[in-house]
Amino acid sequence: MGPDSERGEPSIVSEVIISDGPEHRPAQASELLQTDARNVQAQNVTMERAGAEHITAERLVMTNSGARSIEARSAQVDRSGILAAKSEKAVFHDSTIVAVSVDEARIVRGNVLLMRAEAVKVEGDAKIGVLAGPACEAVRPLVSVQGAAAFGALCGLVVWLLGAIARRATRG
């Protein structure tokens, strides 16, 4: 399905052959080169210097690209930016992601604000803001789940105390 086919415009997605999997078998993929798209749905998606609103794919390869949201079984993101990512396995290299939900992630010199992961491997100078999942020595989040919960409890206590003081002041 092309990214703009619902509006009757010609498709800007081209079909290419890529080497897929560990055996490097030839496979068909949808490719975006130096263009923007709305919604892209395909088995394999390869993007280079392109952008998309939403991408749904089994395998996604992004290079120097951007996307609002992605859903992929396997994602390889290189020097790109994503607002929301959901994937089983993902590799983020020199990329910036706002929110990530993955089973397995490898981050190489990237920046992630919010991450939920079952397993994380960090290489180079990666920065993770909030990590929900198992931590290892290489992962040093700015705020842990326990730290965020303690901060939320403290804020709740302060709001409750301020409310109690305001109620007493208005009574008399």
N, C-alpha and C. Protein backbone atom coordinates (compact mmCIF):
# COMPACT_ATOMS: atom_id res chain seq x y z
N MET A 1 0.84 -1.16 0.00
CA MET A 1 0.00 0.00 0.00
C MET A 1 0.89 1.23 0.00
N GLY A 2 0.66 2.15 -0.90
CA GLY A 2 1.44 3.37 -0.97
C GLY A 2 1.03 4.32 0.14
N PRO A 3 1.90 5.26 0.49
CA PRO A 3 1.64 6.14 1.60
C PRO A 3 0.53 7.14 1.35
N ASP A 4 0.28 7.53 0.11
CA ASP A 4 -0.75 8.52 -0.17
C ASP A 4 -1.83 7.98 -1.10
N SER A 5 -2.00 6.66 -1.17
CA SER A 5 -2.94 6.08 -2.11
C SER A 5 -4.38 6.40 -1.76
N GLU A 6 -4.69 6.69 -0.47
CA GLU A 6 -6.07 6.98 -0.12
C GLU A 6 -6.51 8.33 -0.67
N ARG A 7 -5.59 9.21 -1.07
CA ARG A 7 -5.95 10.51 -1.62
C ARG A 7 -5.92 10.50 -3.15
N GLY A 8 -5.60 9.36 -3.76
CA GLY A 8 -5.58 9.27 -5.20
C GLY A 8 -4.30 9.82 -5.82
N GLU A 9 -3.31 10.14 -5.04
CA GLU A 9 -2.05 10.65 -5.56
C GLU A 9 -1.15 9.48 -5.93
N PRO A 10 -0.22 9.70 -6.86
CA PRO A 10 0.70 8.63 -7.21
C PRO A 10 1.58 8.26 -6.02
N SER A 11 1.93 7.00 -5.94
CA SER A 11 2.73 6.50 -4.83
C SER A 11 4.15 7.02 -4.94
N ILE A 12 4.74 7.39 -3.81
CA ILE A 12 6.13 7.84 -3.78
C ILE A 12 7.02 6.74 -3.22
N VAL A 13 6.45 5.58 -3.02
CA VAL A 13 7.19 4.44 -2.51
C VAL A 13 7.61 3.59 -3.70
N SER A 14 8.91 3.24 -3.74
CA SER A 14 9.36 2.36 -4.81
C SER A 14 9.65 0.98 -4.22
N GLU A 15 9.45 -0.03 -5.02
CA GLU A 15 9.72 -1.40 -4.60
C GLU A 15 11.14 -1.76 -5.02
N VAL A 16 11.95 -2.28 -4.08
CA VAL A 16 13.34 -2.65 -4.33
C VAL A 16 13.60 -4.03 -3.77
N ILE A 17 14.73 -4.58 -4.13
CA ILE A 17 15.18 -5.87 -3.60
C ILE A 17 16.32 -5.59 -2.62
N ILE A 18 16.21 -6.14 -1.40
CA ILE A 18 17.25 -5.97 -0.39
C ILE A 18 17.74 -7.34 0.06
N SER A 19 18.89 -7.36 0.74
CA SER A 19 19.34 -8.61 1.34
C SER A 19 18.78 -8.65 2.75
N ASP A 20 18.04 -9.70 3.07
CA ASP A 20 17.30 -9.76 4.32
C ASP A 20 17.76 -10.94 5.16
N GLY A 21 17.76 -10.73 6.47
CA GLY A 21 18.05 -11.81 7.40
C GLY A 21 19.52 -12.15 7.47
N PRO A 22 19.85 -13.06 8.38
CA PRO A 22 21.26 -13.44 8.54
C PRO A 22 21.83 -14.16 7.33
N GLU A 23 20.96 -14.78 6.54
CA GLU A 23 21.44 -15.48 5.33
C GLU A 23 21.56 -14.54 4.15
N HIS A 24 21.12 -13.27 4.30
CA HIS A 24 21.16 -12.26 3.24
C HIS A 24 20.42 -12.72 1.98
N ARG A 25 19.23 -13.29 2.21
CA ARG A 25 18.40 -13.70 1.09
C ARG A 25 17.75 -12.49 0.45
N PRO A 26 17.57 -12.48 -0.87
CA PRO A 26 16.89 -11.34 -1.51
C PRO A 26 15.43 -11.29 -1.07
N ALA A 27 14.97 -10.09 -0.77
CA ALA A 27 13.58 -9.88 -0.37
C ALA A 27 13.10 -8.55 -0.92
N GLN A 28 11.82 -8.46 -1.16
CA GLN A 28 11.24 -7.24 -1.69
C GLN A 28 10.99 -6.26 -0.54
N ALA A 29 11.24 -4.97 -0.79
CA ALA A 29 11.04 -3.95 0.24
C ALA A 29 10.46 -2.70 -0.39
N SER A 30 9.75 -1.92 0.42
CA SER A 30 9.29 -0.60 -0.01
C SER A 30 10.34 0.41 0.43
N GLU A 31 10.69 1.33 -0.46
CA GLU A 31 11.78 2.25 -0.18
C GLU A 31 11.32 3.69 -0.36
N LEU A 32 11.69 4.55 0.60
CA LEU A 32 11.47 5.99 0.51
C LEU A 32 12.82 6.67 0.41
N LEU A 33 13.03 7.45 -0.64
CA LEU A 33 14.28 8.17 -0.81
C LEU A 33 13.99 9.65 -0.94
N GLN A 34 14.53 10.47 -0.07
CA GLN A 34 14.44 11.92 -0.12
C GLN A 34 13.00 12.40 -0.33
N THR A 35 12.08 11.89 0.47
CA THR A 35 10.69 12.28 0.31
C THR A 35 9.96 12.15 1.64
N ASP A 36 8.72 12.60 1.68
CA ASP A 36 7.87 12.49 2.87
C ASP A 36 6.64 11.68 2.53
N ALA A 37 6.13 10.95 3.52
CA ALA A 37 4.95 10.11 3.31
C ALA A 37 4.08 10.19 4.55
N ARG A 38 2.82 9.83 4.40
CA ARG A 38 1.93 9.76 5.56
C ARG A 38 2.06 8.42 6.23
N ASN A 39 1.32 7.43 5.78
CA ASN A 39 1.33 6.11 6.38
C ASN A 39 1.97 5.12 5.42
N VAL A 40 2.93 4.36 5.94
CA VAL A 40 3.59 3.34 5.13
C VAL A 40 3.38 2.00 5.81
N GLN A 41 2.84 1.04 5.05
CA GLN A 41 2.64 -0.32 5.54
C GLN A 41 3.24 -1.27 4.53
N ALA A 42 4.20 -2.09 4.99
CA ALA A 42 4.84 -3.04 4.09
C ALA A 42 5.57 -4.09 4.92
N GLN A 43 5.96 -5.16 4.26
CA GLN A 43 6.75 -6.20 4.92
C GLN A 43 8.11 -5.64 5.32
N ASN A 44 8.83 -5.06 4.38
CA ASN A 44 10.14 -4.45 4.61
C ASN A 44 10.10 -3.01 4.15
N VAL A 45 10.57 -2.10 4.97
CA VAL A 45 10.61 -0.68 4.62
C VAL A 45 12.04 -0.19 4.80
N THR A 46 12.56 0.49 3.78
CA THR A 46 13.88 1.09 3.83
C THR A 46 13.71 2.58 3.56
N MET A 47 14.21 3.41 4.46
CA MET A 47 14.10 4.86 4.30
C MET A 47 15.49 5.48 4.31
N GLU A 48 15.72 6.43 3.41
CA GLU A 48 16.96 7.18 3.40
C GLU A 48 16.63 8.63 3.08
N ARG A 49 17.01 9.53 4.00
CA ARG A 49 16.73 10.95 3.88
C ARG A 49 15.25 11.17 3.55
N ALA A 50 14.37 10.54 4.35
CA ALA A 50 12.94 10.62 4.12
C ALA A 50 12.22 10.80 5.45
N GLY A 51 10.92 11.04 5.37
CA GLY A 51 10.12 11.19 6.57
C GLY A 51 8.76 10.54 6.39
N ALA A 52 8.14 10.14 7.49
CA ALA A 52 6.83 9.51 7.43
C ALA A 52 6.09 9.77 8.73
N GLU A 53 4.77 9.81 8.64
CA GLU A 53 3.94 9.97 9.83
C GLU A 53 3.94 8.67 10.64
N HIS A 54 3.51 7.58 10.01
CA HIS A 54 3.40 6.29 10.71
C HIS A 54 3.90 5.18 9.79
N ILE A 55 4.72 4.31 10.35
CA ILE A 55 5.28 3.19 9.59
C ILE A 55 4.93 1.90 10.31
N THR A 56 4.37 0.95 9.58
CA THR A 56 4.10 -0.39 10.09
C THR A 56 4.82 -1.37 9.18
N ALA A 57 5.73 -2.16 9.75
CA ALA A 57 6.53 -3.08 8.94
C ALA A 57 7.04 -4.24 9.78
N GLU A 58 7.37 -5.32 9.11
CA GLU A 58 8.07 -6.42 9.77
C GLU A 58 9.52 -6.02 10.02
N ARG A 59 10.16 -5.45 9.00
CA ARG A 59 11.55 -5.02 9.10
C ARG A 59 11.65 -3.60 8.61
N LEU A 60 12.27 -2.73 9.42
CA LEU A 60 12.42 -1.31 9.08
C LEU A 60 13.89 -0.93 9.17
N VAL A 61 14.37 -0.25 8.14
CA VAL A 61 15.73 0.30 8.13
C VAL A 61 15.60 1.79 7.82
N MET A 62 16.02 2.63 8.76
CA MET A 62 15.96 4.09 8.58
C MET A 62 17.38 4.66 8.62
N THR A 63 17.71 5.51 7.65
CA THR A 63 18.99 6.19 7.62
C THR A 63 18.75 7.67 7.34
N ASN A 64 19.24 8.53 8.21
CA ASN A 64 19.06 9.98 8.06
C ASN A 64 17.61 10.34 7.79
N SER A 65 16.69 9.76 8.54
CA SER A 65 15.26 9.95 8.30
C SER A 65 14.55 10.29 9.60
N GLY A 66 13.25 10.52 9.49
CA GLY A 66 12.44 10.82 10.66
C GLY A 66 11.06 10.23 10.53
N ALA A 67 10.44 9.93 11.67
CA ALA A 67 9.09 9.38 11.67
C ALA A 67 8.39 9.79 12.96
N ARG A 68 7.10 10.00 12.86
CA ARG A 68 6.33 10.31 14.06
C ARG A 68 6.15 9.05 14.90
N SER A 69 5.77 7.93 14.27
CA SER A 69 5.65 6.67 15.01
C SER A 69 5.98 5.51 14.10
N ILE A 70 6.56 4.47 14.73
CA ILE A 70 6.88 3.26 13.99
C ILE A 70 6.41 2.06 14.79
N GLU A 71 5.99 1.02 14.08
CA GLU A 71 5.69 -0.29 14.66
C GLU A 71 6.36 -1.30 13.75
N ALA A 72 7.35 -2.00 14.31
CA ALA A 72 8.10 -2.96 13.50
C ALA A 72 8.51 -4.13 14.36
N ARG A 73 8.61 -5.27 13.73
CA ARG A 73 9.12 -6.44 14.44
C ARG A 73 10.62 -6.27 14.68
N SER A 74 11.31 -5.74 13.67
CA SER A 74 12.75 -5.49 13.75
C SER A 74 13.03 -4.12 13.16
N ALA A 75 13.75 -3.27 13.90
CA ALA A 75 14.05 -1.92 13.42
C ALA A 75 15.54 -1.63 13.55
N GLN A 76 16.10 -1.06 12.50
CA GLN A 76 17.48 -0.60 12.50
C GLN A 76 17.44 0.88 12.15
N VAL A 77 17.77 1.73 13.12
CA VAL A 77 17.63 3.18 12.96
C VAL A 77 19.00 3.81 13.08
N ASP A 78 19.44 4.50 12.03
CA ASP A 78 20.78 5.08 11.97
C ASP A 78 20.68 6.58 11.67
N ARG A 79 21.20 7.40 12.58
CA ARG A 79 21.20 8.86 12.43
C ARG A 79 19.82 9.39 12.07
N SER A 80 18.81 8.98 12.83
CA SER A 80 17.43 9.36 12.55
C SER A 80 16.73 9.79 13.82
N GLY A 81 15.50 10.29 13.67
CA GLY A 81 14.72 10.72 14.82
C GLY A 81 13.32 10.14 14.77
N ILE A 82 12.80 9.71 15.93
CA ILE A 82 11.47 9.10 16.02
C ILE A 82 10.80 9.62 17.29
N LEU A 83 9.51 9.95 17.19
CA LEU A 83 8.76 10.34 18.38
C LEU A 83 8.34 9.13 19.20
N ALA A 84 7.75 8.11 18.58
CA ALA A 84 7.29 6.93 19.31
C ALA A 84 7.66 5.68 18.51
N ALA A 85 8.29 4.73 19.18
CA ALA A 85 8.72 3.49 18.52
C ALA A 85 8.26 2.29 19.33
N LYS A 86 7.75 1.28 18.61
CA LYS A 86 7.36 0.01 19.23
C LYS A 86 7.94 -1.10 18.35
N SER A 87 8.73 -1.98 18.99
CA SER A 87 9.42 -3.01 18.22
C SER A 87 9.80 -4.17 19.13
N GLU A 88 9.95 -5.35 18.52
CA GLU A 88 10.45 -6.49 19.28
C GLU A 88 11.96 -6.36 19.47
N LYS A 89 12.67 -6.12 18.37
CA LYS A 89 14.12 -5.94 18.41
C LYS A 89 14.46 -4.65 17.68
N ALA A 90 15.35 -3.85 18.29
CA ALA A 90 15.71 -2.59 17.66
C ALA A 90 17.16 -2.25 17.93
N VAL A 91 17.78 -1.61 16.95
CA VAL A 91 19.13 -1.06 17.07
C VAL A 91 19.02 0.42 16.73
N PHE A 92 19.45 1.27 17.67
CA PHE A 92 19.43 2.71 17.47
C PHE A 92 20.88 3.20 17.48
N HIS A 93 21.33 3.72 16.34
CA HIS A 93 22.71 4.17 16.20
C HIS A 93 22.70 5.67 15.92
N ASP A 94 23.31 6.46 16.80
CA ASP A 94 23.37 7.92 16.64
C ASP A 94 22.00 8.52 16.37
N SER A 95 20.97 8.02 17.03
CA SER A 95 19.61 8.47 16.78
C SER A 95 18.99 9.05 18.05
N THR A 96 17.90 9.79 17.86
CA THR A 96 17.17 10.38 18.98
C THR A 96 15.74 9.87 18.93
N ILE A 97 15.27 9.31 20.05
CA ILE A 97 13.93 8.76 20.14
C ILE A 97 13.30 9.30 21.41
N VAL A 98 12.04 9.75 21.31
CA VAL A 98 11.36 10.30 22.48
C VAL A 98 10.81 9.19 23.36
N ALA A 99 10.03 8.26 22.80
CA ALA A 99 9.44 7.17 23.58
C ALA A 99 9.63 5.85 22.85
N VAL A 100 10.14 4.85 23.56
CA VAL A 100 10.43 3.55 22.96
C VAL A 100 9.85 2.44 23.83
N SER A 101 9.21 1.46 23.19
CA SER A 101 8.76 0.25 23.85
C SER A 101 9.28 -0.93 23.03
N VAL A 102 10.29 -1.63 23.57
CA VAL A 102 10.93 -2.72 22.85
C VAL A 102 11.17 -3.91 23.77
N ASP A 103 11.30 -5.08 23.17
CA ASP A 103 11.69 -6.26 23.93
C ASP A 103 13.21 -6.27 24.11
N GLU A 104 13.93 -6.12 23.00
CA GLU A 104 15.40 -6.08 23.03
C GLU A 104 15.87 -4.84 22.30
N ALA A 105 16.78 -4.10 22.92
CA ALA A 105 17.30 -2.89 22.29
C ALA A 105 18.81 -2.83 22.41
N ARG A 106 19.43 -2.29 21.38
CA ARG A 106 20.85 -1.97 21.40
C ARG A 106 20.97 -0.51 21.01
N ILE A 107 21.59 0.26 21.87
CA ILE A 107 21.72 1.69 21.62
C ILE A 107 23.20 2.02 21.51
N VAL A 108 23.57 2.62 20.39
CA VAL A 108 24.96 3.02 20.15
C VAL A 108 24.97 4.54 20.00
N ARG A 109 25.54 5.23 20.96
CA ARG A 109 25.66 6.69 20.94
C ARG A 109 24.35 7.39 20.57
N GLY A 110 23.25 7.00 21.19
CA GLY A 110 21.97 7.62 20.91
C GLY A 110 21.38 8.29 22.12
N ASN A 111 20.25 8.96 21.92
CA ASN A 111 19.53 9.63 23.00
C ASN A 111 18.10 9.13 23.02
N VAL A 112 17.66 8.66 24.20
CA VAL A 112 16.29 8.18 24.37
C VAL A 112 15.72 8.86 25.61
N LEU A 113 14.53 9.47 25.49
CA LEU A 113 13.93 10.13 26.64
C LEU A 113 13.22 9.12 27.53
N LEU A 114 12.27 8.34 26.98
CA LEU A 114 11.51 7.34 27.74
C LEU A 114 11.69 5.98 27.09
N MET A 115 12.07 4.97 27.89
CA MET A 115 12.28 3.64 27.31
C MET A 115 11.73 2.56 28.22
N ARG A 116 10.95 1.63 27.61
CA ARG A 116 10.50 0.42 28.27
C ARG A 116 11.11 -0.71 27.48
N ALA A 117 11.92 -1.52 28.17
CA ALA A 117 12.61 -2.60 27.47
C ALA A 117 12.80 -3.79 28.39
N GLU A 118 12.79 -4.98 27.80
CA GLU A 118 13.08 -6.21 28.54
C GLU A 118 14.58 -6.42 28.67
N ALA A 119 15.33 -6.04 27.65
CA ALA A 119 16.79 -6.16 27.65
C ALA A 119 17.39 -4.99 26.89
N VAL A 120 18.41 -4.37 27.46
CA VAL A 120 19.06 -3.22 26.84
C VAL A 120 20.56 -3.44 26.82
N LYS A 121 21.17 -3.16 25.68
CA LYS A 121 22.62 -3.19 25.56
C LYS A 121 23.04 -1.82 25.05
N VAL A 122 23.95 -1.19 25.78
CA VAL A 122 24.39 0.15 25.44
C VAL A 122 25.85 0.12 25.04
N GLU A 123 26.15 0.79 23.94
CA GLU A 123 27.53 0.92 23.46
C GLU A 123 27.80 2.39 23.21
N GLY A 124 28.98 2.83 23.55
CA GLY A 124 29.32 4.23 23.33
C GLY A 124 28.66 5.13 24.36
N ASP A 125 28.48 6.37 24.01
CA ASP A 125 27.93 7.37 24.91
C ASP A 125 26.43 7.54 24.65
N ALA A 126 25.63 6.65 25.18
CA ALA A 126 24.18 6.73 25.02
C ALA A 126 23.57 7.37 26.25
N LYS A 127 22.52 8.14 26.03
CA LYS A 127 21.82 8.79 27.14
C LYS A 127 20.37 8.34 27.14
N ILE A 128 19.91 7.83 28.30
CA ILE A 128 18.53 7.38 28.46
C ILE A 128 17.94 8.19 29.61
N GLY A 129 16.81 8.87 29.35
CA GLY A 129 16.17 9.69 30.38
C GLY A 129 15.52 8.84 31.45
N VAL A 130 14.48 8.10 31.10
CA VAL A 130 13.76 7.25 32.04
C VAL A 130 13.72 5.85 31.45
N LEU A 131 14.17 4.86 32.25
CA LEU A 131 14.20 3.47 31.80
C LEU A 131 13.30 2.63 32.67
N ALA A 132 12.33 1.96 32.06
CA ALA A 132 11.50 0.98 32.75
C ALA A 132 11.93 -0.39 32.26
N GLY A 133 12.62 -1.10 33.08
CA GLY A 133 13.15 -2.41 32.69
C GLY A 133 14.42 -2.68 33.47
N PRO A 134 15.05 -3.81 33.18
CA PRO A 134 16.26 -4.17 33.93
C PRO A 134 17.42 -3.24 33.57
N ALA A 135 18.14 -2.83 34.58
CA ALA A 135 19.29 -1.96 34.36
C ALA A 135 20.57 -2.78 34.42
N CYS A 136 21.56 -2.31 33.73
CA CYS A 136 22.88 -2.92 33.80
C CYS A 136 23.87 -1.79 34.04
N GLU A 137 25.14 -2.11 34.20
CA GLU A 137 26.13 -1.09 34.52
C GLU A 137 26.23 -0.03 33.44
N ALA A 138 26.10 -0.42 32.18
CA ALA A 138 26.26 0.53 31.09
C ALA A 138 25.07 1.48 30.98
N VAL A 139 23.91 1.08 31.49
CA VAL A 139 22.72 1.92 31.41
C VAL A 139 22.66 2.76 32.67
N ARG A 140 22.78 4.06 32.50
CA ARG A 140 22.69 4.99 33.62
C ARG A 140 21.59 5.99 33.30
N PRO A 141 20.34 5.65 33.60
CA PRO A 141 19.25 6.57 33.30
C PRO A 141 19.30 7.80 34.20
N LEU A 142 18.78 8.90 33.69
CA LEU A 142 18.72 10.12 34.49
C LEU A 142 17.76 9.93 35.65
N VAL A 143 16.64 9.21 35.41
CA VAL A 143 15.66 8.93 36.45
C VAL A 143 15.26 7.47 36.32
N SER A 144 15.32 6.71 37.43
CA SER A 144 14.88 5.32 37.40
C SER A 144 13.39 5.26 37.72
N VAL A 145 12.80 4.09 37.56
CA VAL A 145 11.38 3.92 37.87
C VAL A 145 11.14 4.19 39.35
N GLN A 146 12.03 3.71 40.21
CA GLN A 146 11.88 3.94 41.65
C GLN A 146 12.02 5.42 41.97
N GLY A 147 12.95 6.10 41.34
CA GLY A 147 13.13 7.54 41.56
C GLY A 147 11.92 8.33 41.09
N ALA A 148 11.36 7.94 39.95
CA ALA A 148 10.16 8.62 39.44
C ALA A 148 8.97 8.39 40.37
N ALA A 149 8.84 7.16 40.91
CA ALA A 149 7.74 6.87 41.84
C ALA A 149 7.90 7.67 43.13
N ALA A 150 9.11 7.77 43.64
CA ALA A 150 9.36 8.56 44.86
C ALA A 150 9.08 10.04 44.61
N PHE A 151 9.48 10.54 43.45
CA PHE A 151 9.21 11.93 43.10
C PHE A 151 7.71 12.19 43.01
N GLY A 152 6.96 11.26 42.38
CA GLY A 152 5.51 11.39 42.28
C GLY A 152 4.84 11.36 43.64
N ALA A 153 5.30 10.48 44.54
CA ALA A 153 4.74 10.42 45.89
C ALA A 153 5.02 11.70 46.65
N LEU A 154 6.21 12.23 46.52
CA LEU A 154 6.57 13.48 47.19
C LEU A 154 5.73 14.64 46.66
N CYS A 155 5.54 14.71 45.35
CA CYS A 155 4.70 15.76 44.77
C CYS A 155 3.26 15.63 45.26
N GLY A 156 2.74 14.41 45.33
CA GLY A 156 1.39 14.18 45.83
C GLY A 156 1.26 14.64 47.28
N LEU A 157 2.25 14.36 48.11
CA LEU A 157 2.25 14.79 49.51
C LEU A 157 2.25 16.31 49.62
N VAL A 158 3.07 16.97 48.81
CA VAL A 158 3.13 18.43 48.83
C VAL A 158 1.79 19.03 48.42
N VAL A 159 1.18 18.51 47.37
CA VAL A 159 -0.13 19.01 46.93
C VAL A 159 -1.18 18.78 48.00
N TRP A 160 -1.15 17.63 48.66
CA TRP A 160 -2.12 17.35 49.73
C TRP A 160 -1.94 18.33 50.88
N LEU A 161 -0.68 18.59 51.29
CA LEU A 161 -0.43 19.54 52.38
C LEU A 161 -0.86 20.95 52.02
N LEU A 162 -0.57 21.38 50.78
CA LEU A 162 -1.00 22.71 50.35
C LEU A 162 -2.52 22.81 50.32
N GLY A 163 -3.21 21.75 49.92
CA GLY A 163 -4.67 21.73 49.93
C GLY A 163 -5.23 21.82 51.34
N ALA A 164 -4.59 21.11 52.27
CA ALA A 164 -5.04 21.16 53.67
C ALA A 164 -4.85 22.55 54.26
N ILE A 165 -3.73 23.18 53.95
CA ILE A 165 -3.48 24.54 54.44
C ILE A 165 -4.48 25.52 53.82
N ALA A 166 -4.77 25.37 52.52
CA ALA A 166 -5.73 26.26 51.87
C ALA A 166 -7.13 26.08 52.45
N ARG A 167 -7.52 24.86 52.77
CA ARG A 167 -8.85 24.62 53.36
C ARG A 167 -8.94 25.26 54.74
N ARG A 168 -7.91 25.16 55.54
CA ARG A 168 -7.93 25.78 56.88
C ARG A 168 -7.98 27.30 56.78
N ALA A 169 -7.26 27.85 55.79
CA ALA A 169 -7.23 29.31 55.64
C ALA A 169 -8.59 29.85 55.21
N THR A 170 -9.33 29.08 54.38
CA THR A 170 -10.63 29.56 53.90
C THR A 170 -11.73 29.36 54.95
N ARG A 171 -11.57 28.50 55.94
CA ARG A 171 -12.56 28.27 56.99
C ARG A 171 -12.56 29.36 58.04
N GLY A 172 -11.49 29.90 58.29
CA GLY A 172 -11.58 30.86 59.37
C GLY A 172 -10.31 31.45 59.67
